Amino acid sequence: MIKKQIIMKKYILSLIVLAYGLTSIAQTYTIDVKIKGITDSLAYLASYTGKDLLLVDTAVVRKDGSFTFTKDNLPHGVYSIVASMSPPKYFDFLLNETKVSLETSLDRLTQDMVVKKSKENKLFFEYVSFLSKSSELKKPLLSQREEFRKLNNTEKIKELEKKIYEIDKGVTEYQKNLVKSNSDMFIGKLITMSLEIKIPSPPTELKDTASFNYEYYKNHFWDNVDLSDDRLGKSALFFNQMEKYFMNIIPQTPDTIIKRIDIFLNQLKPNGSMMKSAIEFLAYAHVKTKLMGMESIYVHVCDKYILNGKSAWIPKDKIEKIRPKVNKMRPVLIGKVAPNLILADTTEKNWINLHKDMKAEYTLLVFWSDECGHCKTEIPKYKKLYDSIKANTDIDFDVFAVGTIIDNDGWRKFIKDNYLTWTNVSDFRAMRDSPDQYILSGQTDLRSINYRNSYDIYVTPIAFLLDKDNKIIAKQFEPKQLQKLLEFEIAKKKRAEEENK
């Protein structure tokens, strides 16, 4: 796999996309290429999956630098010819005709391109050339503008910005004319997908124009993308558009994102290339942000589009590897009632029931270990905040702290040394060795004994904030965030009470 971010460095190539359509009749595609100065003995035909390039065919390079790919039923769209692996050198081209013939040189792959056969590629490389020239014209102007900004020379800055605007305006006009003249061709759809939507003037009586513009842009973001044309799914630009929309345009709250995901995916062809790209991106993109609660998006996408068999292209063995992880995450998502825990305190004789014995309006449920260096730093911070809340506020708050080390001597010592006067519970060696004894006696239950699975505890510390009904309202936060979370929840509750009056 060749990472797109490694081999695509130029501005112009960020606008190039690929897409494909299935053919109903078997066809053979012949791609003849000649590259002056090529040194590798093999050349590669590559296709995009999201931002990645995957090799789909190889060809032997002849002595004169020519090579040929011959393949049946290639999906239409933009492909890449990789002329060198080290360093990576490649160029994109359109595949919409059964015969394509191209000539260029290794050091100037796009600049020296001569299209021998292919109407769409002639338009395509003319477009690439225009973008490249426009970019070169802008480059010194942008550099000069930065210099004059340092000098605070507003007059020169305005002069340069006017020139930059004219270049950008020329690019936009070129794109619009290309689309207008070739609306029936695939290149027209590719260029249209790169254009920003036009926001109409807001109603004259509307005062908040910024809000109007944002709402219109958000709701019409996909207007320039033909979501019924599944060829666009094998497109780097399609991936970029999803990234822009779902990561930057819509509000970054799980409920909003999930709603927009469902609306979006319902417009795509089941098991088509757009759907494949969307599922693979949307399942994991927000988890990587580490924003609170974003794992609920992963669980939603898996539950609604993967684990139920709707993503038929994903191998069954891979799905079955995903399932246990999702099953672990699902019960402890924000908004769920926290699984009950019945564990013993430091005496290993008194059993505390999370749901029945913790009566506070808000409960901090924290899992920690006295053998965890980070825990030894964070738990005293929670204690300091706990003491401050108790002494200085009227917040009804308590702590249910679970020790995760079975041998509890060190745990008890840490509790004593740090005056952890809140509720401390843990499992212990005898309970681990003979769990049935404690389950059959009614002192605890199997889920409590297996709390590491119930709460998906794989690192410590892990913190959850529960409301009076034991519903999870926050998770995986740091001590310094806890006070703000409590204040936010209290303010939210007061607003709700006032609205209901």
Protein backbone atom coordinates (compact mmCIF):
# COMPACT_ATOMS: atom_id res chain seq x y z
CA MET A 1 0.00 0.00 0.00
CA ILE A 2 1.33 3.43 -0.93
CA LYS A 3 0.09 6.20 1.35
CA LYS A 4 -1.40 9.08 -0.60
CA GLN A 5 -0.08 11.60 1.87
CA ILE A 6 3.47 10.42 1.08
CA ILE A 7 3.31 10.45 -2.69
CA MET A 8 0.89 13.30 -3.40
CA LYS A 9 2.57 16.52 -2.37
CA LYS A 10 1.49 19.06 -4.95
CA TYR A 11 -1.50 21.36 -4.59
CA ILE A 12 -2.95 20.45 -7.96
CA LEU A 13 -3.17 16.76 -7.18
CA SER A 14 -5.36 17.38 -4.12
CA LEU A 15 -8.17 18.23 -6.57
CA ILE A 16 -7.82 15.03 -8.56
CA VAL A 17 -10.28 12.27 -7.77
CA LEU A 18 -11.22 8.84 -8.99
CA ALA A 19 -14.49 7.03 -9.41
CA TYR A 20 -15.81 4.01 -11.15
CA GLY A 21 -18.85 2.44 -12.75
CA LEU A 22 -19.49 -1.21 -13.39
CA THR A 23 -19.82 -2.37 -16.98
CA SER A 24 -22.50 -4.82 -17.94
CA ILE A 25 -20.59 -6.25 -20.91
CA ALA A 26 -17.08 -7.70 -20.65
CA GLN A 27 -14.58 -5.18 -22.03
CA THR A 28 -10.82 -5.19 -22.39
CA TYR A 29 -8.96 -2.03 -21.49
CA THR A 30 -5.61 -1.21 -23.04
CA ILE A 31 -3.46 1.50 -21.47
CA ASP A 32 -0.34 2.34 -23.45
CA VAL A 33 2.21 4.53 -21.70
CA LYS A 34 5.66 5.78 -22.67
CA ILE A 35 7.84 7.59 -20.14
CA LYS A 36 11.16 9.10 -21.17
CA GLY A 37 13.84 8.52 -18.53
CA ILE A 38 12.08 5.74 -16.63
CA THR A 39 14.58 3.48 -14.86
CA ASP A 40 12.42 0.92 -13.03
CA SER A 41 11.88 -2.39 -14.79
CA LEU A 42 8.24 -2.55 -13.68
CA ALA A 43 5.47 0.04 -13.77
CA TYR A 44 2.29 -0.19 -11.71
CA LEU A 45 -1.37 0.58 -12.20
CA ALA A 46 -2.92 1.79 -8.93
CA SER A 47 -6.40 2.58 -7.66
CA TYR A 48 -7.58 4.60 -4.67
CA THR A 49 -9.21 3.33 -1.50
CA GLY A 50 -9.93 6.44 0.52
CA LYS A 51 -6.60 8.27 0.63
CA ASP A 52 -4.55 5.18 -0.06
CA LEU A 53 -3.29 3.84 -3.37
CA LEU A 54 -3.59 0.11 -3.96
CA LEU A 55 -1.70 -1.60 -6.76
CA VAL A 56 -4.04 -3.43 -9.14
CA ASP A 57 -1.70 -4.45 -11.99
CA THR A 58 1.93 -4.46 -13.14
CA ALA A 59 3.59 -4.07 -16.53
CA VAL A 60 7.12 -4.75 -17.77
CA VAL A 61 8.89 -1.61 -18.99
CA ARG A 62 10.42 -1.99 -22.46
CA LYS A 63 13.81 -0.59 -23.48
CA ASP A 64 12.25 2.51 -25.03
CA GLY A 65 10.38 3.35 -21.78
CA SER A 66 7.02 2.07 -22.99
CA PHE A 67 4.72 -0.40 -21.23
CA THR A 68 1.14 -1.60 -21.57
CA PHE A 69 -1.59 -2.61 -19.15
CA THR A 70 -4.25 -4.90 -20.56
CA LYS A 71 -7.06 -5.79 -18.22
CA ASP A 72 -10.70 -6.81 -18.45
CA ASN A 73 -13.58 -4.91 -16.89
CA LEU A 74 -11.68 -2.15 -15.14
CA PRO A 75 -14.12 0.12 -13.30
CA HIS A 76 -14.16 3.60 -14.84
CA GLY A 77 -12.56 6.49 -13.03
CA VAL A 78 -9.19 8.02 -12.17
CA TYR A 79 -6.23 5.66 -11.83
CA SER A 80 -2.56 6.22 -11.19
CA ILE A 81 0.50 5.13 -13.10
CA VAL A 82 3.35 4.59 -10.66
CA ALA A 83 6.54 5.03 -12.67
CA SER A 84 8.96 4.80 -9.76
CA MET A 85 8.75 3.31 -6.28
CA SER A 86 11.88 4.89 -4.82
CA PRO A 87 11.37 7.76 -4.77
CA PRO A 88 7.63 7.46 -5.47
CA LYS A 89 6.70 9.09 -8.78
CA TYR A 90 3.29 8.78 -10.32
CA PHE A 91 0.53 10.58 -12.18
CA ASP A 92 -3.24 10.28 -12.28
CA PHE A 93 -5.26 9.75 -15.44
CA LEU A 94 -8.89 9.12 -16.40
CA LEU A 95 -10.06 5.72 -17.55
CA ASN A 96 -13.36 6.10 -19.39
CA GLU A 97 -12.42 4.65 -22.77
CA THR A 98 -11.21 1.18 -23.61
CA LYS A 99 -8.01 2.53 -25.19
CA VAL A 100 -5.77 5.17 -23.63
CA SER A 101 -2.36 6.23 -24.92
CA LEU A 102 -0.08 8.64 -23.00
CA GLU A 103 3.50 9.90 -23.32
CA THR A 104 5.55 11.95 -20.86
CA SER A 105 8.93 12.20 -19.11
CA LEU A 106 9.88 10.92 -15.65
CA ASP A 107 11.02 14.26 -14.24
CA ARG A 108 7.96 16.17 -15.50
CA LEU A 109 5.19 13.61 -15.44
CA THR A 110 2.23 15.98 -15.73
CA GLN A 111 3.96 18.99 -17.32
CA ASP A 112 5.25 17.04 -20.33
CA MET A 113 2.14 14.90 -20.77
CA VAL A 114 1.03 14.29 -24.36
CA VAL A 115 -2.30 12.53 -24.78
CA LYS A 116 -2.13 10.35 -27.89
CA LYS A 117 -5.53 8.77 -27.46
CA SER A 118 -8.36 9.70 -25.06
CA LYS A 119 -10.69 12.70 -25.29
CA GLU A 120 -11.29 12.98 -21.56
CA ASN A 121 -7.59 12.74 -20.69
CA LYS A 122 -6.84 15.59 -23.06
CA LEU A 123 -9.30 17.76 -21.10
CA PHE A 124 -8.04 16.38 -17.84
CA PHE A 125 -4.36 17.20 -18.39
CA GLU A 126 -5.21 20.62 -19.80
CA TYR A 127 -7.04 21.23 -16.55
CA VAL A 128 -4.12 19.94 -14.46
CA SER A 129 -1.74 22.16 -16.44
CA PHE A 130 -3.92 25.22 -15.87
CA LEU A 131 -4.08 24.55 -12.13
CA SER A 132 -0.32 24.10 -11.99
CA LYS A 133 0.35 27.38 -13.79
CA SER A 134 -2.14 29.21 -11.56
CA SER A 135 -0.47 27.77 -8.48
CA GLU A 136 2.94 28.93 -9.69
CA LEU A 137 1.60 32.44 -10.26
CA LYS A 138 0.15 32.56 -6.74
CA LYS A 139 3.20 31.23 -4.94
CA PRO A 140 5.36 34.41 -4.99
CA LEU A 141 2.33 36.59 -4.23
CA LEU A 142 1.53 34.56 -1.13
CA SER A 143 5.13 34.80 0.00
CA GLN A 144 5.20 38.56 -0.52
CA ARG A 145 1.92 38.96 1.37
CA GLU A 146 3.42 37.23 4.41
CA GLU A 147 6.42 39.56 4.32
CA PHE A 148 4.23 42.67 4.16
CA ARG A 149 2.08 41.34 7.02
CA LYS A 150 5.18 41.27 9.19
CA LEU A 151 5.77 44.91 8.23
CA ASN A 152 2.07 45.74 8.77
CA ASN A 153 1.93 47.32 5.31
CA THR A 154 -1.84 47.22 4.72
CA GLU A 155 -1.66 48.99 1.35
CA LYS A 156 0.68 46.40 -0.16
CA ILE A 157 -1.30 43.57 1.42
CA LYS A 158 -4.52 44.79 -0.25
CA GLU A 159 -2.72 45.11 -3.58
CA LEU A 160 -1.41 41.54 -3.37
CA GLU A 161 -4.72 40.13 -2.20
CA LYS A 162 -6.42 41.67 -5.19
CA LYS A 163 -3.96 39.87 -7.52
CA ILE A 164 -4.43 36.59 -5.62
CA TYR A 165 -8.20 37.00 -5.87
CA GLU A 166 -7.98 37.48 -9.64
CA ILE A 167 -5.97 34.24 -10.01
CA ASP A 168 -8.46 32.32 -7.86
CA LYS A 169 -11.32 33.84 -9.81
CA GLY A 170 -9.70 32.68 -13.04
CA VAL A 171 -9.45 29.12 -11.68
CA THR A 172 -13.11 29.16 -10.68
CA GLU A 173 -14.17 30.47 -14.09
CA TYR A 174 -12.08 27.81 -15.82
CA GLN A 175 -13.70 25.10 -13.71
CA LYS A 176 -17.22 26.39 -14.36
CA ASN A 177 -16.63 26.61 -18.11
CA LEU A 178 -15.13 23.13 -18.18
CA VAL A 179 -18.14 21.73 -16.32
CA LYS A 180 -20.61 23.63 -18.53
CA SER A 181 -18.99 22.44 -21.75
CA ASN A 182 -18.63 18.84 -20.59
CA SER A 183 -21.56 18.24 -18.27
CA ASP A 184 -22.29 14.92 -19.98
CA MET A 185 -18.75 13.65 -19.37
CA PHE A 186 -17.30 12.18 -16.23
CA ILE A 187 -14.70 14.91 -15.89
CA GLY A 188 -17.60 17.33 -15.44
CA LYS A 189 -18.74 15.46 -12.34
CA LEU A 190 -15.21 15.33 -10.97
CA ILE A 191 -14.74 19.07 -11.28
CA THR A 192 -18.22 19.82 -9.96
CA MET A 193 -17.41 17.81 -6.85
CA SER A 194 -14.49 20.13 -6.12
CA LEU A 195 -16.56 23.33 -6.36
CA GLU A 196 -17.91 25.09 -3.29
CA ILE A 197 -21.67 25.47 -3.17
CA LYS A 198 -23.12 28.92 -3.79
CA ILE A 199 -24.85 30.38 -0.73
CA PRO A 200 -27.82 32.62 -1.66
CA SER A 201 -28.40 36.01 -0.09
CA PRO A 202 -30.28 35.70 3.21
CA PRO A 203 -33.75 37.20 3.59
CA THR A 204 -33.51 40.96 4.07
CA GLU A 205 -35.31 40.85 7.43
CA LEU A 206 -32.80 38.36 8.83
CA LYS A 207 -30.24 39.88 11.19
CA ASP A 208 -28.02 36.86 11.85
CA THR A 209 -26.59 36.34 8.37
CA ALA A 210 -23.64 34.32 9.65
CA SER A 211 -25.99 31.74 11.13
CA PHE A 212 -28.02 31.65 7.91
CA ASN A 213 -24.87 31.10 5.82
CA TYR A 214 -23.64 28.31 8.09
CA GLU A 215 -26.98 26.48 8.18
CA TYR A 216 -27.34 26.71 4.40
CA TYR A 217 -23.79 25.52 3.83
CA LYS A 218 -24.21 22.65 6.29
CA ASN A 219 -27.51 21.50 4.80
CA HIS A 220 -26.47 21.87 1.16
CA PHE A 221 -22.86 20.70 1.46
CA TRP A 222 -23.45 17.67 -0.79
CA ASP A 223 -25.34 19.53 -3.54
CA ASN A 224 -22.35 19.40 -5.90
CA VAL A 225 -21.80 15.67 -5.40
CA ASP A 226 -23.97 13.22 -7.32
CA LEU A 227 -24.53 10.69 -4.56
CA SER A 228 -26.44 8.47 -6.99
CA ASP A 229 -23.32 8.06 -9.13
CA ASP A 230 -21.46 5.31 -7.32
CA ARG A 231 -18.32 5.82 -9.41
CA LEU A 232 -17.38 8.72 -7.18
CA GLY A 233 -16.84 6.42 -4.24
CA LYS A 234 -13.34 5.40 -5.32
CA SER A 235 -12.36 9.02 -5.06
CA ALA A 236 -9.76 10.74 -2.95
CA LEU A 237 -11.83 13.90 -3.17
CA PHE A 238 -14.96 12.07 -2.03
CA PHE A 239 -12.98 10.94 1.02
CA ASN A 240 -11.74 14.50 1.59
CA GLN A 241 -15.28 15.85 1.33
CA MET A 242 -16.48 13.36 3.95
CA GLU A 243 -13.60 14.31 6.21
CA LYS A 244 -14.38 18.00 5.84
CA TYR A 245 -18.11 17.60 6.42
CA PHE A 246 -18.14 15.10 9.28
CA MET A 247 -15.05 16.38 11.10
CA ASN A 248 -15.29 20.16 10.57
CA ILE A 249 -18.64 21.37 9.26
CA ILE A 250 -21.26 19.73 11.46
CA PRO A 251 -21.17 20.17 15.27
CA GLN A 252 -18.84 17.66 16.90
CA THR A 253 -21.36 16.05 19.23
CA PRO A 254 -22.08 12.31 18.97
CA ASP A 255 -25.87 12.62 18.60
CA THR A 256 -25.57 15.18 15.80
CA ILE A 257 -22.90 13.21 13.98
CA ILE A 258 -24.88 9.96 14.22
CA LYS A 259 -27.99 11.66 12.83
CA ARG A 260 -26.05 13.09 9.89
CA ILE A 261 -24.34 9.76 9.24
CA ASP A 262 -27.69 8.00 8.87
CA ILE A 263 -29.07 10.69 6.55
CA PHE A 264 -25.93 10.52 4.42
CA LEU A 265 -25.62 6.73 4.22
CA ASN A 266 -29.30 6.33 3.33
CA GLN A 267 -28.55 8.15 0.07
CA LEU A 268 -25.80 5.76 -1.00
CA LYS A 269 -26.03 2.54 -2.94
CA PRO A 270 -25.81 -0.49 -0.60
CA ASN A 271 -22.43 -2.22 -0.94
CA GLY A 272 -21.35 0.30 -3.56
CA SER A 273 -18.00 2.05 -3.62
CA MET A 274 -19.39 5.19 -1.97
CA MET A 275 -20.86 3.12 0.84
CA LYS A 276 -17.62 1.18 1.27
CA SER A 277 -15.54 4.34 1.52
CA ALA A 278 -18.05 5.98 3.86
CA ILE A 279 -18.32 3.02 6.26
CA GLU A 280 -14.57 2.54 6.46
CA PHE A 281 -14.07 6.23 7.17
CA LEU A 282 -17.01 6.93 9.48
CA ALA A 283 -16.54 3.91 11.72
CA TYR A 284 -13.10 5.00 12.90
CA ALA A 285 -12.66 8.71 12.18
CA HIS A 286 -14.18 10.15 15.34
CA VAL A 287 -12.70 7.57 17.70
CA LYS A 288 -9.28 8.87 16.73
CA THR A 289 -10.18 12.40 17.83
CA LYS A 290 -10.26 11.30 21.52
CA LEU A 291 -13.18 13.66 22.13
CA MET A 292 -15.47 12.48 24.90
CA GLY A 293 -18.21 10.07 23.86
CA MET A 294 -17.09 9.65 20.27
CA GLU A 295 -16.87 5.87 20.64
CA SER A 296 -20.67 5.84 20.47
CA ILE A 297 -20.34 6.72 16.77
CA TYR A 298 -18.15 3.68 16.18
CA VAL A 299 -20.65 1.46 18.00
CA HIS A 300 -23.56 2.94 16.03
CA VAL A 301 -21.92 2.42 12.65
CA CYS A 302 -20.91 -1.12 13.58
CA ASP A 303 -24.36 -2.03 14.91
CA LYS A 304 -26.38 -0.50 12.08
CA TYR A 305 -24.15 -1.14 9.06
CA ILE A 306 -21.53 -3.82 9.80
CA LEU A 307 -22.44 -6.42 12.42
CA ASN A 308 -25.88 -7.00 10.89
CA GLY A 309 -24.40 -8.10 7.55
CA LYS A 310 -25.22 -4.93 5.57
CA SER A 311 -21.56 -4.42 4.66
CA ALA A 312 -21.31 -7.54 2.54
CA TRP A 313 -17.82 -6.67 1.28
CA ILE A 314 -16.29 -7.02 4.76
CA PRO A 315 -15.08 -10.62 5.35
CA LYS A 316 -17.08 -12.49 7.97
CA ASP A 317 -13.98 -13.31 10.01
CA LYS A 318 -13.16 -9.62 10.30
CA ILE A 319 -16.73 -8.85 11.38
CA GLU A 320 -16.51 -11.49 14.08
CA LYS A 321 -13.31 -9.89 15.35
CA ILE A 322 -15.10 -6.56 15.61
CA ARG A 323 -18.18 -7.93 17.39
CA PRO A 324 -16.63 -8.65 20.85
CA LYS A 325 -15.08 -5.18 20.98
CA VAL A 326 -18.40 -3.51 20.17
CA ASN A 327 -20.22 -5.71 22.67
CA LYS A 328 -17.82 -4.51 25.36
CA MET A 329 -18.16 -0.86 24.46
CA ARG A 330 -21.94 -0.75 24.06
CA PRO A 331 -23.01 -1.03 27.77
CA VAL A 332 -20.72 1.78 28.94
CA LEU A 333 -21.48 4.45 26.36
CA ILE A 334 -22.50 7.92 27.51
CA GLY A 335 -26.26 7.87 28.06
CA LYS A 336 -26.35 4.24 29.18
CA VAL A 337 -27.06 3.14 32.76
CA ALA A 338 -23.75 2.07 34.23
CA PRO A 339 -23.60 -1.69 34.89
CA ASN A 340 -24.14 -2.34 38.58
CA LEU A 341 -21.19 -3.28 40.76
CA ILE A 342 -21.29 -5.09 44.10
CA LEU A 343 -17.78 -5.25 45.53
CA ALA A 344 -16.19 -5.46 48.98
CA ASP A 345 -14.58 -2.58 50.83
CA THR A 346 -11.11 -2.65 52.39
CA THR A 347 -12.23 -5.18 55.05
CA GLU A 348 -13.17 -7.68 52.32
CA LYS A 349 -16.34 -8.31 54.35
CA ASN A 350 -18.63 -5.34 53.74
CA TRP A 351 -20.22 -5.32 50.29
CA ILE A 352 -21.15 -2.03 48.59
CA ASN A 353 -23.81 -1.90 45.87
CA LEU A 354 -23.21 0.91 43.37
CA HIS A 355 -26.86 1.24 42.36
CA LYS A 356 -28.41 0.88 45.80
CA ASP A 357 -25.88 2.34 48.23
CA MET A 358 -24.62 5.39 46.33
CA LYS A 359 -27.31 8.03 46.83
CA ALA A 360 -25.61 11.23 45.66
CA GLU A 361 -26.89 13.40 42.81
CA TYR A 362 -23.55 12.82 41.08
CA THR A 363 -21.12 9.93 41.56
CA LEU A 364 -17.57 9.66 40.32
CA LEU A 365 -16.89 6.02 39.43
CA VAL A 366 -13.15 5.59 39.01
CA PHE A 367 -11.08 2.47 38.37
CA TRP A 368 -7.48 2.67 39.52
CA SER A 369 -4.47 0.64 40.64
CA ASP A 370 -1.86 1.30 43.29
CA GLU A 371 0.69 -0.24 40.89
CA CYS A 372 -0.14 2.30 38.18
CA GLY A 373 2.19 5.30 38.21
CA HIS A 374 -0.34 7.54 36.49
CA CYS A 375 -3.01 6.52 39.00
CA LYS A 376 -0.74 7.51 41.89
CA THR A 377 -0.61 10.99 40.37
CA GLU A 378 -4.26 11.34 39.38
CA ILE A 379 -6.08 9.82 42.37
CA PRO A 380 -4.71 12.45 44.85
CA LYS A 381 -5.93 15.12 42.41
CA TYR A 382 -9.41 13.62 42.52
CA LYS A 383 -9.15 13.57 46.32
CA LYS A 384 -8.20 17.25 46.45
CA LEU A 385 -11.17 18.12 44.22
CA TYR A 386 -13.47 15.88 46.26
CA ASP A 387 -12.49 17.66 49.47
CA SER A 388 -12.92 21.06 47.83
CA ILE A 389 -16.39 20.22 46.54
CA LYS A 390 -17.47 18.90 49.93
CA ALA A 391 -16.10 21.94 51.78
CA ASN A 392 -16.95 24.77 49.39
CA THR A 393 -20.02 23.85 47.38
CA ASP A 394 -23.49 22.44 47.85
CA ILE A 395 -23.01 19.90 45.05
CA ASP A 396 -24.31 16.49 46.12
CA PHE A 397 -21.28 14.48 45.06
CA ASP A 398 -19.65 11.20 46.05
CA VAL A 399 -16.98 8.78 44.82
CA PHE A 400 -17.07 5.03 44.20
CA ALA A 401 -13.44 4.05 43.68
CA VAL A 402 -12.61 0.56 42.43
CA GLY A 403 -9.15 -0.91 43.00
CA THR A 404 -8.12 -3.18 40.16
CA ILE A 405 -5.29 -5.12 41.86
CA ILE A 406 -6.40 -8.43 43.38
CA ASP A 407 -3.72 -8.46 46.11
CA ASN A 408 -4.90 -5.52 48.17
CA ASP A 409 -2.18 -4.74 50.74
CA GLY A 410 -0.64 -1.99 48.59
CA TRP A 411 -4.12 -0.67 47.72
CA ARG A 412 -5.10 -0.39 51.39
CA LYS A 413 -1.82 1.35 52.25
CA PHE A 414 -2.29 3.92 49.47
CA ILE A 415 -5.84 4.61 50.67
CA LYS A 416 -4.60 5.16 54.23
CA ASP A 417 -1.57 7.26 53.26
CA ASN A 418 -3.66 9.55 51.03
CA TYR A 419 -6.73 9.77 53.30
CA LEU A 420 -9.11 8.46 50.63
CA THR A 421 -12.23 8.76 52.77
CA TRP A 422 -14.69 8.06 49.96
CA THR A 423 -16.14 4.63 49.14
CA ASN A 424 -13.29 2.23 48.27
CA VAL A 425 -14.02 -1.23 46.87
CA SER A 426 -12.08 -3.96 45.14
CA ASP A 427 -12.10 -7.63 44.27
CA PHE A 428 -9.70 -9.78 46.30
CA ARG A 429 -7.83 -13.07 46.09
CA ALA A 430 -10.41 -15.29 47.86
CA MET A 431 -13.22 -13.97 45.68
CA ARG A 432 -11.15 -14.62 42.58
CA ASP A 433 -10.23 -18.14 43.67
CA SER A 434 -13.76 -19.15 44.75
CA PRO A 435 -16.25 -16.83 43.00
CA ASP A 436 -19.17 -19.28 43.29
CA GLN A 437 -19.04 -19.04 47.08
CA TYR A 438 -19.76 -15.31 46.97
CA ILE A 439 -22.26 -15.48 44.12
CA LEU A 440 -24.35 -18.29 45.64
CA SER A 441 -24.41 -16.54 49.00
CA GLY A 442 -25.87 -13.45 47.29
CA GLN A 443 -23.02 -11.18 48.33
CA THR A 444 -22.15 -10.28 44.73
CA ASP A 445 -22.85 -11.39 41.17
CA LEU A 446 -20.94 -12.60 38.13
CA ARG A 447 -21.00 -9.25 36.34
CA SER A 448 -19.44 -7.51 39.34
CA ILE A 449 -16.70 -10.13 39.55
CA ASN A 450 -16.07 -9.66 35.82
CA TYR A 451 -16.20 -5.84 36.01
CA ARG A 452 -13.09 -5.53 33.84
CA ASN A 453 -15.13 -6.91 30.95
CA SER A 454 -18.33 -5.11 32.00
CA TYR A 455 -16.55 -1.75 31.91
CA ASP A 456 -13.97 -2.56 29.24
CA ILE A 457 -11.13 -1.77 31.65
CA TYR A 458 -7.86 -2.16 29.76
CA VAL A 459 -5.91 0.77 31.23
CA THR A 460 -6.17 2.78 34.44
CA PRO A 461 -7.26 5.20 35.65
CA ILE A 462 -10.65 5.30 33.92
CA ALA A 463 -13.32 7.66 35.26
CA PHE A 464 -17.09 7.82 34.75
CA LEU A 465 -19.47 10.50 36.01
CA LEU A 466 -22.92 9.13 36.89
CA ASP A 467 -26.16 10.94 37.65
CA LYS A 468 -28.59 9.97 40.43
CA ASP A 469 -30.10 7.31 38.17
CA ASN A 470 -26.63 5.84 37.51
CA LYS A 471 -26.71 7.03 33.92
CA ILE A 472 -23.28 7.75 32.45
CA ILE A 473 -23.05 11.46 31.66
CA ALA A 474 -19.28 11.67 31.08
CA LYS A 475 -16.31 9.34 30.87
CA GLN A 476 -12.55 9.20 30.37
CA PHE A 477 -11.87 12.68 31.71
CA GLU A 478 -9.09 14.08 33.86
CA PRO A 479 -9.42 15.46 37.41
CA LYS A 480 -9.13 19.06 36.20
CA GLN A 481 -12.18 18.54 33.95
CA LEU A 482 -14.42 17.11 36.66
CA GLN A 483 -15.44 20.38 38.34
CA LYS A 484 -16.37 21.90 34.97
CA LEU A 485 -18.37 18.80 34.07
CA LEU A 486 -20.30 19.03 37.33
CA GLU A 487 -20.96 22.75 36.88
CA PHE A 488 -22.10 22.16 33.30
CA GLU A 489 -24.50 19.39 34.33
CA ILE A 490 -25.94 21.46 37.18
CA ALA A 491 -26.45 24.47 34.87
CA LYS A 492 -28.08 22.24 32.27
CA LYS A 493 -30.42 20.80 34.88
CA LYS A 494 -31.42 24.29 36.06
CA ARG A 495 -32.15 25.41 32.49
CA ALA A 496 -34.34 22.36 31.96
CA GLU A 497 -36.23 23.04 35.19
CA GLU A 498 -36.83 26.67 34.21
CA GLU A 499 -38.06 25.66 30.75
CA ASN A 500 -40.52 23.20 32.28
CA LYS A 501 -42.03 25.79 34.64
